[in-house]
Amino acid sequence: MPTPPKTIEMFEARLREQAEILEQTALSLLAQGREVQPLVAADTADQAALSYEKEMLFSQSTQGRSDLLLVQKALARIADGTFGDCVTCGKPIGQKRLEAVPWTPRCIECQERIERGEIDDSGRAA
């Protein structure tokens, strides 16, 4: 049973909002990471703490960009009419799963099979 157009519109609005939040967050974290400057008189422990902080900010920015890519791909699936269908098996993704994670590319069964290592996820577009 296809997802009703009004429901698709709701998901699209949520995804666009999430994309904007992720874009702003990733840019902010990247800028914060660039602003972390080592103290001139800092001892080794202070330098290590600053280095860790900078790495953490860049890591969070990278994760945010990965999440943004998932959201953008979900928006592309809306545009091409495949939103709500699992990219692995083609079956409909459960409504509750889409409500919880609208950018998910897979049904719960396929996601669980990937996590158990039963099917290979390498090279698959999410």
PDB file of N, CA and C in Angstrom:
ATOM      1  N   MET A   1       0.847  -1.180   0.000  1.00  0.00           N
ATOM      2  CA  MET A   1       0.000   0.000   0.000  1.00  0.00           C
ATOM      3  C   MET A   1       0.894   1.245   0.000  1.00  0.00           C
ATOM      4  N   PRO A   2       0.764   2.098  -1.009  1.00  0.00           N
ATOM      5  CA  PRO A   2       1.616   3.285  -1.088  1.00  0.00           C
ATOM      6  C   PRO A   2       1.315   4.291   0.027  1.00  0.00           C
ATOM      7  N   THR A   3       2.343   5.058   0.357  1.00  0.00           N
ATOM      8  CA  THR A   3       2.199   6.083   1.394  1.00  0.00           C
ATOM      9  C   THR A   3       1.375   7.238   0.830  1.00  0.00           C
ATOM     10  N   PRO A   4       0.360   7.696   1.558  1.00  0.00           N
ATOM     11  CA  PRO A   4      -0.484   8.805   1.073  1.00  0.00           C
ATOM     12  C   PRO A   4       0.342  10.076   0.835  1.00  0.00           C
ATOM     13  N   PRO A   5      -0.049  10.866  -0.179  1.00  0.00           N
ATOM     14  CA  PRO A   5       0.683  12.096  -0.501  1.00  0.00           C
ATOM     15  C   PRO A   5       0.834  13.054   0.681  1.00  0.00           C
ATOM     16  N   LYS A   6      -0.188  13.187   1.512  1.00  0.00           N
ATOM     17  CA  LYS A   6      -0.098  14.091   2.676  1.00  0.00           C
ATOM     18  C   LYS A   6       0.976  13.611   3.645  1.00  0.00           C
ATOM     19  N   THR A   7       1.079  12.305   3.806  1.00  0.00           N
ATOM     20  CA  THR A   7       2.106  11.741   4.687  1.00  0.00           C
ATOM     21  C   THR A   7       3.495  11.989   4.093  1.00  0.00           C
ATOM     22  N   ILE A   8       3.615  11.829   2.790  1.00  0.00           N
ATOM     23  CA  ILE A   8       4.890  12.101   2.114  1.00  0.00           C
ATOM     24  C   ILE A   8       5.271  13.564   2.310  1.00  0.00           C
ATOM     25  N   GLU A   9       4.317  14.464   2.181  1.00  0.00           N
ATOM     26  CA  GLU A   9       4.572  15.897   2.381  1.00  0.00           C
ATOM     27  C   GLU A   9       5.060  16.164   3.808  1.00  0.00           C
ATOM     28  N   MET A  10       4.457  15.490   4.770  1.00  0.00           N
ATOM     29  CA  MET A  10       4.870  15.658   6.165  1.00  0.00           C
ATOM     30  C   MET A  10       6.322  15.199   6.342  1.00  0.00           C
ATOM     31  N   PHE A  11       6.640  14.016   5.779  1.00  0.00           N
ATOM     32  CA  PHE A  11       8.008  13.512   5.884  1.00  0.00           C
ATOM     33  C   PHE A  11       8.990  14.448   5.172  1.00  0.00           C
ATOM     34  N   GLU A  12       8.597  14.964   4.030  1.00  0.00           N
ATOM     35  CA  GLU A  12       9.475  15.876   3.293  1.00  0.00           C
ATOM     36  C   GLU A  12       9.767  17.135   4.114  1.00  0.00           C
ATOM     37  N   ALA A  13       8.756  17.680   4.752  1.00  0.00           N
ATOM     38  CA  ALA A  13       8.952  18.868   5.586  1.00  0.00           C
ATOM     39  C   ALA A  13       9.903  18.552   6.749  1.00  0.00           C
ATOM     40  N   ARG A  14       9.706  17.398   7.391  1.00  0.00           N
ATOM     41  CA  ARG A  14      10.591  17.001   8.498  1.00  0.00           C
ATOM     42  C   ARG A  14      12.026  16.809   8.013  1.00  0.00           C
ATOM     43  N   LEU A  15      12.171  16.187   6.850  1.00  0.00           N
ATOM     44  CA  LEU A  15      13.510  15.941   6.314  1.00  0.00           C
ATOM     45  C   LEU A  15      14.206  17.247   5.943  1.00  0.00           C
ATOM     46  N   ARG A  16      13.477  18.168   5.351  1.00  0.00           N
ATOM     47  CA  ARG A  16      14.080  19.464   4.996  1.00  0.00           C
ATOM     48  C   ARG A  16      14.510  20.230   6.253  1.00  0.00           C
ATOM     49  N   GLU A  17      13.693  20.164   7.284  1.00  0.00           N
ATOM     50  CA  GLU A  17      14.038  20.804   8.556  1.00  0.00           C
ATOM     51  C   GLU A  17      15.286  20.151   9.157  1.00  0.00           C
ATOM     52  N   GLN A  18      15.319  18.823   9.132  1.00  0.00           N
ATOM     53  CA  GLN A  18      16.476  18.088   9.664  1.00  0.00           C
ATOM     54  C   GLN A  18      17.732  18.413   8.862  1.00  0.00           C
ATOM     55  N   ALA A  19      17.609  18.527   7.549  1.00  0.00           N
ATOM     56  CA  ALA A  19      18.759  18.859   6.704  1.00  0.00           C
ATOM     57  C   ALA A  19      19.327  20.217   7.078  1.00  0.00           C
ATOM     58  N   GLU A  20      18.450  21.177   7.293  1.00  0.00           N
ATOM     59  CA  GLU A  20      18.911  22.517   7.666  1.00  0.00           C
ATOM     60  C   GLU A  20      19.630  22.501   9.016  1.00  0.00           C
ATOM     61  N   ILE A  21      19.071  21.783   9.971  1.00  0.00           N
ATOM     62  CA  ILE A  21      19.696  21.677  11.295  1.00  0.00           C
ATOM     63  C   ILE A  21      21.072  21.027  11.176  1.00  0.00           C
ATOM     64  N   LEU A  22      21.154  19.943  10.424  1.00  0.00           N
ATOM     65  CA  LEU A  22      22.428  19.236  10.267  1.00  0.00           C
ATOM     66  C   LEU A  22      23.464  20.083   9.545  1.00  0.00           C
ATOM     67  N   GLU A  23      23.037  20.830   8.532  1.00  0.00           N
ATOM     68  CA  GLU A  23      23.964  21.712   7.814  1.00  0.00           C
ATOM     69  C   GLU A  23      24.541  22.764   8.755  1.00  0.00           C
ATOM     70  N   GLN A  24      23.666  23.402   9.523  1.00  0.00           N
ATOM     71  CA  GLN A  24      24.118  24.442  10.441  1.00  0.00           C
ATOM     72  C   GLN A  24      25.030  23.872  11.530  1.00  0.00           C
ATOM     73  N   THR A  25      24.661  22.718  12.062  1.00  0.00           N
ATOM     74  CA  THR A  25      25.463  22.088  13.106  1.00  0.00           C
ATOM     75  C   THR A  25      26.831  21.691  12.589  1.00  0.00           C
ATOM     76  N   ALA A  26      26.884  21.091  11.401  1.00  0.00           N
ATOM     77  CA  ALA A  26      28.167  20.669  10.831  1.00  0.00           C
ATOM     78  C   ALA A  26      29.072  21.868  10.579  1.00  0.00           C
ATOM     79  N   LEU A  27      28.504  22.936  10.050  1.00  0.00           N
ATOM     80  CA  LEU A  27      29.297  24.140   9.803  1.00  0.00           C
ATOM     81  C   LEU A  27      29.800  24.754  11.103  1.00  0.00           C
ATOM     82  N   SER A  28      28.939  24.775  12.104  1.00  0.00           N
ATOM     83  CA  SER A  28      29.317  25.326  13.403  1.00  0.00           C
ATOM     84  C   SER A  28      30.441  24.513  14.044  1.00  0.00           C
ATOM     85  N   LEU A  29      30.310  23.187  14.015  1.00  0.00           N
ATOM     86  CA  LEU A  29      31.346  22.330  14.607  1.00  0.00           C
ATOM     87  C   LEU A  29      32.670  22.468  13.867  1.00  0.00           C
ATOM     88  N   LEU A  30      32.599  22.560  12.560  1.00  0.00           N
ATOM     89  CA  LEU A  30      33.815  22.730  11.768  1.00  0.00           C
ATOM     90  C   LEU A  30      34.492  24.051  12.113  1.00  0.00           C
ATOM     91  N   ALA A  31      33.714  25.113  12.230  1.00  0.00           N
ATOM     92  CA  ALA A  31      34.267  26.414  12.590  1.00  0.00           C
ATOM     93  C   ALA A  31      34.869  26.387  13.991  1.00  0.00           C
ATOM     94  N   GLN A  32      34.175  25.729  14.927  1.00  0.00           N
ATOM     95  CA  GLN A  32      34.705  25.628  16.291  1.00  0.00           C
ATOM     96  C   GLN A  32      36.020  24.855  16.303  1.00  0.00           C
ATOM     97  N   GLY A  33      36.092  23.800  15.513  1.00  0.00           N
ATOM     98  CA  GLY A  33      37.317  23.016  15.440  1.00  0.00           C
ATOM     99  C   GLY A  33      38.484  23.819  14.902  1.00  0.00           C
ATOM    100  N   ARG A  34      38.196  24.669  13.948  1.00  0.00           N
ATOM    101  CA  ARG A  34      39.247  25.513  13.372  1.00  0.00           C
ATOM    102  C   ARG A  34      39.687  26.607  14.348  1.00  0.00           C
ATOM    103  N   GLU A  35      38.781  27.000  15.238  1.00  0.00           N
ATOM    104  CA  GLU A  35      39.095  28.061  16.190  1.00  0.00           C
ATOM    105  C   GLU A  35      39.922  27.586  17.374  1.00  0.00           C
ATOM    106  N   VAL A  36      39.943  26.286  17.626  1.00  0.00           N
ATOM    107  CA  VAL A  36      40.713  25.758  18.758  1.00  0.00           C
ATOM    108  C   VAL A  36      42.188  25.972  18.442  1.00  0.00           C
ATOM    109  N   GLN A  37      42.811  26.842  19.194  1.00  0.00           N
ATOM    110  CA  GLN A  37      44.220  27.183  18.978  1.00  0.00           C
ATOM    111  C   GLN A  37      45.056  26.703  20.148  1.00  0.00           C
ATOM    112  N   PRO A  38      46.182  26.107  19.860  1.00  0.00           N
ATOM    113  CA  PRO A  38      47.048  25.693  20.962  1.00  0.00           C
ATOM    114  C   PRO A  38      47.573  26.909  21.719  1.00  0.00           C
ATOM    115  N   LEU A  39      47.615  26.778  23.024  1.00  0.00           N
ATOM    116  CA  LEU A  39      48.147  27.854  23.851  1.00  0.00           C
ATOM    117  C   LEU A  39      49.665  27.888  23.704  1.00  0.00           C
ATOM    118  N   VAL A  40      50.218  29.081  23.611  1.00  0.00           N
ATOM    119  CA  VAL A  40      51.658  29.227  23.422  1.00  0.00           C
ATOM    120  C   VAL A  40      52.416  28.616  24.599  1.00  0.00           C
ATOM    121  N   ALA A  41      51.947  28.876  25.805  1.00  0.00           N
ATOM    122  CA  ALA A  41      52.650  28.392  26.994  1.00  0.00           C
ATOM    123  C   ALA A  41      52.046  27.089  27.522  1.00  0.00           C
ATOM    124  N   ALA A  42      51.244  26.436  26.718  1.00  0.00           N
ATOM    125  CA  ALA A  42      50.562  25.234  27.193  1.00  0.00           C
ATOM    126  C   ALA A  42      51.547  24.098  27.417  1.00  0.00           C
ATOM    127  N   ASP A  43      51.318  23.370  28.495  1.00  0.00           N
ATOM    128  CA  ASP A  43      52.154  22.194  28.736  1.00  0.00           C
ATOM    129  C   ASP A  43      51.619  21.035  27.901  1.00  0.00           C
ATOM    130  N   THR A  44      52.250  19.900  27.985  1.00  0.00           N
ATOM    131  CA  THR A  44      51.887  18.742  27.170  1.00  0.00           C
ATOM    132  C   THR A  44      50.457  18.303  27.427  1.00  0.00           C
ATOM    133  N   ALA A  45      50.024  18.306  28.676  1.00  0.00           N
ATOM    134  CA  ALA A  45      48.657  17.894  29.004  1.00  0.00           C
ATOM    135  C   ALA A  45      47.639  18.846  28.391  1.00  0.00           C
ATOM    136  N   ASP A  46      47.911  20.164  28.467  1.00  0.00           N
ATOM    137  CA  ASP A  46      47.001  21.138  27.869  1.00  0.00           C
ATOM    138  C   ASP A  46      46.953  20.974  26.351  1.00  0.00           C
ATOM    139  N   GLN A  47      48.097  20.746  25.741  1.00  0.00           N
ATOM    140  CA  GLN A  47      48.140  20.549  24.287  1.00  0.00           C
ATOM    141  C   GLN A  47      47.365  19.296  23.890  1.00  0.00           C
ATOM    142  N   ALA A  48      47.493  18.232  24.685  1.00  0.00           N
ATOM    143  CA  ALA A  48      46.766  16.999  24.408  1.00  0.00           C
ATOM    144  C   ALA A  48      45.259  17.224  24.532  1.00  0.00           C
ATOM    145  N   ALA A  49      44.850  17.959  25.553  1.00  0.00           N
ATOM    146  CA  ALA A  49      43.428  18.246  25.747  1.00  0.00           C
ATOM    147  C   ALA A  49      42.878  19.071  24.588  1.00  0.00           C
ATOM    148  N   LEU A  50      43.633  20.059  24.127  1.00  0.00           N
ATOM    149  CA  LEU A  50      43.200  20.880  22.999  1.00  0.00           C
ATOM    150  C   LEU A  50      43.135  20.051  21.722  1.00  0.00           C
ATOM    151  N   SER A  51      44.111  19.192  21.542  1.00  0.00           N
ATOM    152  CA  SER A  51      44.133  18.325  20.368  1.00  0.00           C
ATOM    153  C   SER A  51      42.926  17.399  20.375  1.00  0.00           C
ATOM    154  N   TYR A  52      42.619  16.835  21.542  1.00  0.00           N
ATOM    155  CA  TYR A  52      41.452  15.954  21.681  1.00  0.00           C
ATOM    156  C   TYR A  52      40.171  16.726  21.378  1.00  0.00           C
ATOM    157  N   GLU A  53      40.052  17.941  21.910  1.00  0.00           N
ATOM    158  CA  GLU A  53      38.860  18.756  21.684  1.00  0.00           C
ATOM    159  C   GLU A  53      38.677  19.046  20.193  1.00  0.00           C
ATOM    160  N   LYS A  54      39.760  19.394  19.531  1.00  0.00           N
ATOM    161  CA  LYS A  54      39.704  19.700  18.104  1.00  0.00           C
ATOM    162  C   LYS A  54      39.293  18.462  17.311  1.00  0.00           C
ATOM    163  N   GLU A  55      39.887  17.331  17.626  1.00  0.00           N
ATOM    164  CA  GLU A  55      39.552  16.078  16.935  1.00  0.00           C
ATOM    165  C   GLU A  55      38.095  15.707  17.164  1.00  0.00           C
ATOM    166  N   MET A  56      37.609  15.898  18.381  1.00  0.00           N
ATOM    167  CA  MET A  56      36.218  15.590  18.709  1.00  0.00           C
ATOM    168  C   MET A  56      35.266  16.470  17.894  1.00  0.00           C
ATOM    169  N   LEU A  57      35.575  17.749  17.769  1.00  0.00           N
ATOM    170  CA  LEU A  57      34.729  18.657  16.994  1.00  0.00           C
ATOM    171  C   LEU A  57      34.702  18.257  15.521  1.00  0.00           C
ATOM    172  N   PHE A  58      35.856  17.912  14.968  1.00  0.00           N
ATOM    173  CA  PHE A  58      35.906  17.490  13.570  1.00  0.00           C
ATOM    174  C   PHE A  58      35.158  16.169  13.375  1.00  0.00           C
ATOM    175  N   SER A  59      35.275  15.265  14.326  1.00  0.00           N
ATOM    176  CA  SER A  59      34.579  13.979  14.255  1.00  0.00           C
ATOM    177  C   SER A  59      33.063  14.186  14.279  1.00  0.00           C
ATOM    178  N   GLN A  60      32.594  15.054  15.153  1.00  0.00           N
ATOM    179  CA  GLN A  60      31.167  15.349  15.222  1.00  0.00           C
ATOM    180  C   GLN A  60      30.694  15.992  13.917  1.00  0.00           C
ATOM    181  N   SER A  61      31.522  16.846  13.335  1.00  0.00           N
ATOM    182  CA  SER A  61      31.185  17.473  12.063  1.00  0.00           C
ATOM    183  C   SER A  61      31.078  16.430  10.961  1.00  0.00           C
ATOM    184  N   THR A  62      31.991  15.476  10.954  1.00  0.00           N
ATOM    185  CA  THR A  62      31.962  14.407   9.956  1.00  0.00           C
ATOM    186  C   THR A  62      30.706  13.565  10.102  1.00  0.00           C
ATOM    187  N   GLN A  63      30.341  13.215  11.327  1.00  0.00           N
ATOM    188  CA  GLN A  63      29.121  12.440  11.567  1.00  0.00           C
ATOM    189  C   GLN A  63      27.898  13.220  11.119  1.00  0.00           C
ATOM    190  N   GLY A  64      27.899  14.508  11.386  1.00  0.00           N
ATOM    191  CA  GLY A  64      26.784  15.352  10.958  1.00  0.00           C
ATOM    192  C   GLY A  64      26.638  15.368   9.445  1.00  0.00           C
ATOM    193  N   ARG A  65      27.773  15.412   8.750  1.00  0.00           N
ATOM    194  CA  ARG A  65      27.725  15.387   7.279  1.00  0.00           C
ATOM    195  C   ARG A  65      27.224  14.032   6.780  1.00  0.00           C
ATOM    196  N   SER A  66      27.585  12.945   7.452  1.00  0.00           N
ATOM    197  CA  SER A  66      27.085  11.612   7.084  1.00  0.00           C
ATOM    198  C   SER A  66      25.567  11.545   7.273  1.00  0.00           C
ATOM    199  N   ASP A  67      25.096  12.082   8.387  1.00  0.00           N
ATOM    200  CA  ASP A  67      23.661  12.113   8.650  1.00  0.00           C
ATOM    201  C   ASP A  67      22.947  12.974   7.602  1.00  0.00           C
ATOM    202  N   LEU A  68      23.562  14.088   7.235  1.00  0.00           N
ATOM    203  CA  LEU A  68      22.983  14.972   6.222  1.00  0.00           C
ATOM    204  C   LEU A  68      22.859  14.235   4.886  1.00  0.00           C
ATOM    205  N   LEU A  69      23.848  13.445   4.540  1.00  0.00           N
ATOM    206  CA  LEU A  69      23.795  12.685   3.295  1.00  0.00           C
ATOM    207  C   LEU A  69      22.605  11.715   3.307  1.00  0.00           C
ATOM    208  N   LEU A  70      22.361  11.064   4.435  1.00  0.00           N
ATOM    209  CA  LEU A  70      21.201  10.167   4.549  1.00  0.00           C
ATOM    210  C   LEU A  70      19.893  10.939   4.351  1.00  0.00           C
ATOM    211  N   VAL A  71      19.817  12.127   4.918  1.00  0.00           N
ATOM    212  CA  VAL A  71      18.612  12.953   4.777  1.00  0.00           C
ATOM    213  C   VAL A  71      18.445  13.380   3.319  1.00  0.00           C
ATOM    214  N   GLN A  72      19.536  13.791   2.681  1.00  0.00           N
ATOM    215  CA  GLN A  72      19.463  14.208   1.275  1.00  0.00           C
ATOM    216  C   GLN A  72      19.039  13.047   0.372  1.00  0.00           C
ATOM    217  N   LYS A  73      19.530  11.850   0.673  1.00  0.00           N
ATOM    218  CA  LYS A  73      19.140  10.680  -0.120  1.00  0.00           C
ATOM    219  C   LYS A  73      17.665  10.347   0.089  1.00  0.00           C
ATOM    220  N   ALA A  74      17.170  10.555   1.305  1.00  0.00           N
ATOM    221  CA  ALA A  74      15.742  10.341   1.562  1.00  0.00           C
ATOM    222  C   ALA A  74      14.906  11.339   0.763  1.00  0.00           C
ATOM    223  N   LEU A  75      15.359  12.588   0.713  1.00  0.00           N
ATOM    224  CA  LEU A  75      14.657  13.598  -0.091  1.00  0.00           C
ATOM    225  C   LEU A  75      14.684  13.218  -1.573  1.00  0.00           C
ATOM    226  N   ALA A  76      15.791  12.654  -2.030  1.00  0.00           N
ATOM    227  CA  ALA A  76      15.878  12.200  -3.426  1.00  0.00           C
ATOM    228  C   ALA A  76      14.899  11.049  -3.680  1.00  0.00           C
ATOM    229  N   ARG A  77      14.734  10.168  -2.685  1.00  0.00           N
ATOM    230  CA  ARG A  77      13.771   9.080  -2.841  1.00  0.00           C
ATOM    231  C   ARG A  77      12.344   9.617  -2.889  1.00  0.00           C
ATOM    232  N   ILE A  78      12.079  10.699  -2.161  1.00  0.00           N
ATOM    233  CA  ILE A  78      10.761  11.330  -2.258  1.00  0.00           C
ATOM    234  C   ILE A  78      10.569  11.844  -3.684  1.00  0.00           C
ATOM    235  N   ALA A  79      11.582  12.506  -4.200  1.00  0.00           N
ATOM    236  CA  ALA A  79      11.488  13.087  -5.545  1.00  0.00           C
ATOM    237  C   ALA A  79      11.293  12.018  -6.625  1.00  0.00           C
ATOM    238  N   ASP A  80      11.943  10.863  -6.452  1.00  0.00           N
ATOM    239  CA  ASP A  80      11.819   9.837  -7.502  1.00  0.00           C
ATOM    240  C   ASP A  80      10.709   8.822  -7.218  1.00  0.00           C
ATOM    241  N   GLY A  81       9.967   9.021  -6.128  1.00  0.00           N
ATOM    242  CA  GLY A  81       8.816   8.177  -5.849  1.00  0.00           C
ATOM    243  C   GLY A  81       9.109   6.859  -5.149  1.00  0.00           C
ATOM    244  N   THR A  82      10.335   6.696  -4.640  1.00  0.00           N
ATOM    245  CA  THR A  82      10.666   5.429  -3.974  1.00  0.00           C
ATOM    246  C   THR A  82      10.753   5.561  -2.461  1.00  0.00           C
ATOM    247  N   PHE A  83      10.436   6.729  -1.931  1.00  0.00           N
ATOM    248  CA  PHE A  83      10.486   6.923  -0.482  1.00  0.00           C
ATOM    249  C   PHE A  83       9.516   5.960   0.188  1.00  0.00           C
ATOM    250  N   GLY A  84       9.987   5.343   1.269  1.00  0.00           N
ATOM    251  CA  GLY A  84       9.154   4.412   2.008  1.00  0.00           C
ATOM    252  C   GLY A  84       9.371   2.970   1.602  1.00  0.00           C
ATOM    253  N   ASP A  85      10.163   2.760   0.546  1.00  0.00           N
ATOM    254  CA  ASP A  85      10.506   1.409   0.111  1.00  0.00           C
ATOM    255  C   ASP A  85      11.952   1.120   0.498  1.00  0.00           C
ATOM    256  N   CYS A  86      12.195  -0.066   0.999  1.00  0.00           N
ATOM    257  CA  CYS A  86      13.541  -0.482   1.400  1.00  0.00           C
ATOM    258  C   CYS A  86      14.451  -0.529   0.175  1.00  0.00           C
ATOM    259  N   VAL A  87      15.639   0.086   0.278  1.00  0.00           N
ATOM    260  CA  VAL A  87      16.577   0.084  -0.847  1.00  0.00           C
ATOM    261  C   VAL A  87      17.235  -1.274  -1.039  1.00  0.00           C
ATOM    262  N   THR A  88      17.111  -2.157  -0.058  1.00  0.00           N
ATOM    263  CA  THR A  88      17.723  -3.478  -0.151  1.00  0.00           C
ATOM    264  C   THR A  88      16.755  -4.504  -0.730  1.00  0.00           C
ATOM    265  N   CYS A  89      15.549  -4.613  -0.156  1.00  0.00           N
ATOM    266  CA  CYS A  89      14.610  -5.652  -0.597  1.00  0.00           C
ATOM    267  C   CYS A  89      13.440  -5.101  -1.403  1.00  0.00           C
ATOM    268  N   GLY A  90      13.217  -3.776  -1.348  1.00  0.00           N
ATOM    269  CA  GLY A  90      12.126  -3.163  -2.103  1.00  0.00           C
ATOM    270  C   GLY A  90      10.778  -3.187  -1.416  1.00  0.00           C
ATOM    271  N   LYS A  91      10.694  -3.844  -0.276  1.00  0.00           N
ATOM    272  CA  LYS A  91       9.426  -3.903   0.454  1.00  0.00           C
ATOM    273  C   LYS A  91       9.192  -2.582   1.197  1.00  0.00           C
ATOM    274  N   PRO A  92       7.941  -2.291   1.536  1.00  0.00           N
ATOM    275  CA  PRO A  92       7.647  -1.057   2.274  1.00  0.00           C
ATOM    276  C   PRO A  92       8.314  -1.049   3.653  1.00  0.00           C
ATOM    277  N   ILE A  93       8.816   0.121   4.023  1.00  0.00           N
ATOM    278  CA  ILE A  93       9.368   0.332   5.361  1.00  0.00           C
ATOM    279  C   ILE A  93       8.184   0.630   6.274  1.00  0.00           C
ATOM    280  N   GLY A  94       8.178   0.047   7.458  1.00  0.00           N
ATOM    281  CA  GLY A  94       7.078   0.252   8.390  1.00  0.00           C
ATOM    282  C   GLY A  94       6.856   1.719   8.728  1.00  0.00           C
ATOM    283  N   GLN A  95       5.596   2.086   8.865  1.00  0.00           N
ATOM    284  CA  GLN A  95       5.222   3.472   9.162  1.00  0.00           C
ATOM    285  C   GLN A  95       5.873   3.966  10.458  1.00  0.00           C
ATOM    286  N   LYS A  96       5.878   3.142  11.496  1.00  0.00           N
ATOM    287  CA  LYS A  96       6.470   3.558  12.767  1.00  0.00           C
ATOM    288  C   LYS A  96       7.969   3.799  12.613  1.00  0.00           C
ATOM    289  N   ARG A  97       8.640   2.973  11.817  1.00  0.00           N
ATOM    290  CA  ARG A  97      10.073   3.164  11.580  1.00  0.00           C
ATOM    291  C   ARG A  97      10.307   4.480  10.848  1.00  0.00           C
ATOM    292  N   LEU A  98       9.503   4.763   9.841  1.00  0.00           N
ATOM    293  CA  LEU A  98       9.647   6.026   9.104  1.00  0.00           C
ATOM    294  C   LEU A  98       9.355   7.223  10.004  1.00  0.00           C
ATOM    295  N   GLU A  99       8.385   7.087  10.881  1.00  0.00           N
ATOM    296  CA  GLU A  99       8.076   8.186  11.790  1.00  0.00           C
ATOM    297  C   GLU A  99       9.240   8.440  12.752  1.00  0.00           C
ATOM    298  N   ALA A 100       9.898   7.367  13.183  1.00  0.00           N
ATOM    299  CA  ALA A 100      11.022   7.506  14.115  1.00  0.00           C
ATOM    300  C   ALA A 100      12.277   7.992  13.412  1.00  0.00           C
ATOM    301  N   VAL A 101      12.539   7.455  12.225  1.00  0.00           N
ATOM    302  CA  VAL A 101      13.768   7.766  11.480  1.00  0.00           C
ATOM    303  C   VAL A 101      13.400   7.943   9.999  1.00  0.00           C
ATOM    304  N   PRO A 102      12.864   9.101   9.629  1.00  0.00           N
ATOM    305  CA  PRO A 102      12.367   9.259   8.254  1.00  0.00           C
ATOM    306  C   PRO A 102      13.446   9.156   7.175  1.00  0.00           C
ATOM    307  N   TRP A 103      14.699   9.273   7.538  1.00  0.00           N
ATOM    308  CA  TRP A 103      15.775   9.178   6.548  1.00  0.00           C
ATOM    309  C   TRP A 103      16.288   7.745   6.384  1.00  0.00           C
ATOM    310  N   THR A 104      15.688   6.795   7.085  1.00  0.00           N
ATOM    311  CA  THR A 104      16.152   5.422   6.985  1.00  0.00           C
ATOM    312  C   THR A 104      15.951   4.893   5.567  1.00  0.00           C
ATOM    313  N   PRO A 105      16.963   4.224   5.026  1.00  0.00           N
ATOM    314  CA  PRO A 105      16.813   3.683   3.676  1.00  0.00           C
ATOM    315  C   PRO A 105      16.296   2.236   3.660  1.00  0.00           C
ATOM    316  N   ARG A 106      16.200   1.619   4.838  1.00  0.00           N
ATOM    317  CA  ARG A 106      15.896   0.189   4.883  1.00  0.00           C
ATOM    318  C   ARG A 106      14.787  -0.150   5.874  1.00  0.00           C
ATOM    319  N   CYS A 107      14.129  -1.265   5.574  1.00  0.00           N
ATOM    320  CA  CYS A 107      13.167  -1.817   6.521  1.00  0.00           C
ATOM    321  C   CYS A 107      13.948  -2.403   7.704  1.00  0.00           C
ATOM    322  N   ILE A 108      13.270  -2.626   8.784  1.00  0.00           N
ATOM    323  CA  ILE A 108      13.932  -3.108   9.999  1.00  0.00           C
ATOM    324  C   ILE A 108      14.559  -4.484   9.772  1.00  0.00           C
ATOM    325  N   GLU A 109      13.906  -5.318   9.000  1.00  0.00           N
ATOM    326  CA  GLU A 109      14.441  -6.664   8.761  1.00  0.00           C
ATOM    327  C   GLU A 109      15.784  -6.609   8.042  1.00  0.00           C
ATOM    328  N   CYS A 110      15.876  -5.823   6.976  1.00  0.00           N
ATOM    329  CA  CYS A 110      17.137  -5.715   6.231  1.00  0.00           C
ATOM    330  C   CYS A 110      18.214  -5.043   7.076  1.00  0.00           C
ATOM    331  N   GLN A 111      17.843  -4.024   7.846  1.00  0.00           N
ATOM    332  CA  GLN A 111      18.822  -3.359   8.701  1.00  0.00           C
ATOM    333  C   GLN A 111      19.378  -4.345   9.720  1.00  0.00           C
ATOM    334  N   GLU A 112      18.514  -5.149  10.307  1.00  0.00           N
ATOM    335  CA  GLU A 112      18.978  -6.150  11.282  1.00  0.00           C
ATOM    336  C   GLU A 112      19.879  -7.185  10.618  1.00  0.00           C
ATOM    337  N   ARG A 113      19.545  -7.585   9.399  1.00  0.00           N
ATOM    338  CA  ARG A 113      20.389  -8.560   8.680  1.00  0.00           C
ATOM    339  C   ARG A 113      21.765  -7.966   8.381  1.00  0.00           C
ATOM    340  N   ILE A 114      21.826  -6.695   8.052  1.00  0.00           N
ATOM    341  CA  ILE A 114      23.112  -6.026   7.819  1.00  0.00           C
ATOM    342  C   ILE A 114      23.916  -6.003   9.109  1.00  0.00           C
ATOM    343  N   GLU A 115      23.262  -5.628  10.203  1.00  0.00           N
ATOM    344  CA  GLU A 115      23.952  -5.545  11.493  1.00  0.00           C
ATOM    345  C   GLU A 115      24.450  -6.905  11.975  1.00  0.00           C
ATOM    346  N   ARG A 116      23.751  -7.983  11.612  1.00  0.00           N
ATOM    347  CA  ARG A 116      24.198  -9.325  11.972  1.00  0.00           C
ATOM    348  C   ARG A 116      25.238  -9.862  10.987  1.00  0.00           C
ATOM    349  N   GLY A 117      25.496  -9.123   9.912  1.00  0.00           N
ATOM    350  CA  GLY A 117      26.465  -9.549   8.921  1.00  0.00           C
ATOM    351  C   GLY A 117      25.934 -10.581   7.942  1.00  0.00           C
ATOM    352  N   GLU A 118      24.629 -10.728   7.866  1.00  0.00           N
ATOM    353  CA  GLU A 118      24.034 -11.710   6.977  1.00  0.00           C
ATOM    354  C   GLU A 118      24.003 -11.239   5.533  1.00  0.00           C
ATOM    355  N   ILE A 119      23.928  -9.937   5.345  1.00  0.00           N
ATOM    356  CA  ILE A 119      24.000  -9.381   3.988  1.00  0.00           C
ATOM    357  C   ILE A 119      25.025  -8.264   3.985  1.00  0.00           C
ATOM    358  N   ASP A 120      25.655  -8.108   2.842  1.00  0.00           N
ATOM    359  CA  ASP A 120      26.735  -7.124   2.693  1.00  0.00           C
ATOM    360  C   ASP A 120      26.142  -5.762   2.352  1.00  0.00           C
ATOM    361  N   ASP A 121      26.613  -4.740   3.049  1.00  0.00           N
ATOM    362  CA  ASP A 121      26.137  -3.384   2.820  1.00  0.00           C
ATOM    363  C   ASP A 121      27.135  -2.570   2.006  1.00  0.00           C
ATOM    364  N   SER A 122      28.309  -3.114   1.709  1.00  0.00           N
ATOM    365  CA  SER A 122      29.326  -2.340   1.001  1.00  0.00           C
ATOM    366  C   SER A 122      28.875  -2.055  -0.434  1.00  0.00           C
ATOM    367  N   GLY A 123      29.074  -0.803  -0.814  1.00  0.00           N
ATOM    368  CA  GLY A 123      28.735  -0.393  -2.172  1.00  0.00           C
ATOM    369  C   GLY A 123      27.281  -0.072  -2.381  1.00  0.00           C
ATOM    370  N   ARG A 124      26.439  -0.278  -1.400  1.00  0.00           N
ATOM    371  CA  ARG A 124      25.024   0.026  -1.525  1.00  0.00           C
ATOM    372  C   ARG A 124      24.781   1.479  -1.206  1.00  0.00           C
ATOM    373  N   ALA A 125      23.980   2.136  -2.010  1.00  0.00           N
ATOM    374  CA  ALA A 125      23.604   3.521  -1.719  1.00  0.00           C
ATOM    375  C   ALA A 125      22.569   3.503  -0.615  1.00  0.00           C
ATOM    376  N   ALA A 126      22.776   4.326   0.392  1.00  0.00           N
ATOM    377  CA  ALA A 126      21.822   4.377   1.509  1.00  0.00           C
ATOM    378  C   ALA A 126      20.697   5.320   1.230  1.00  0.00           C
TER     379      ALA A 126
END
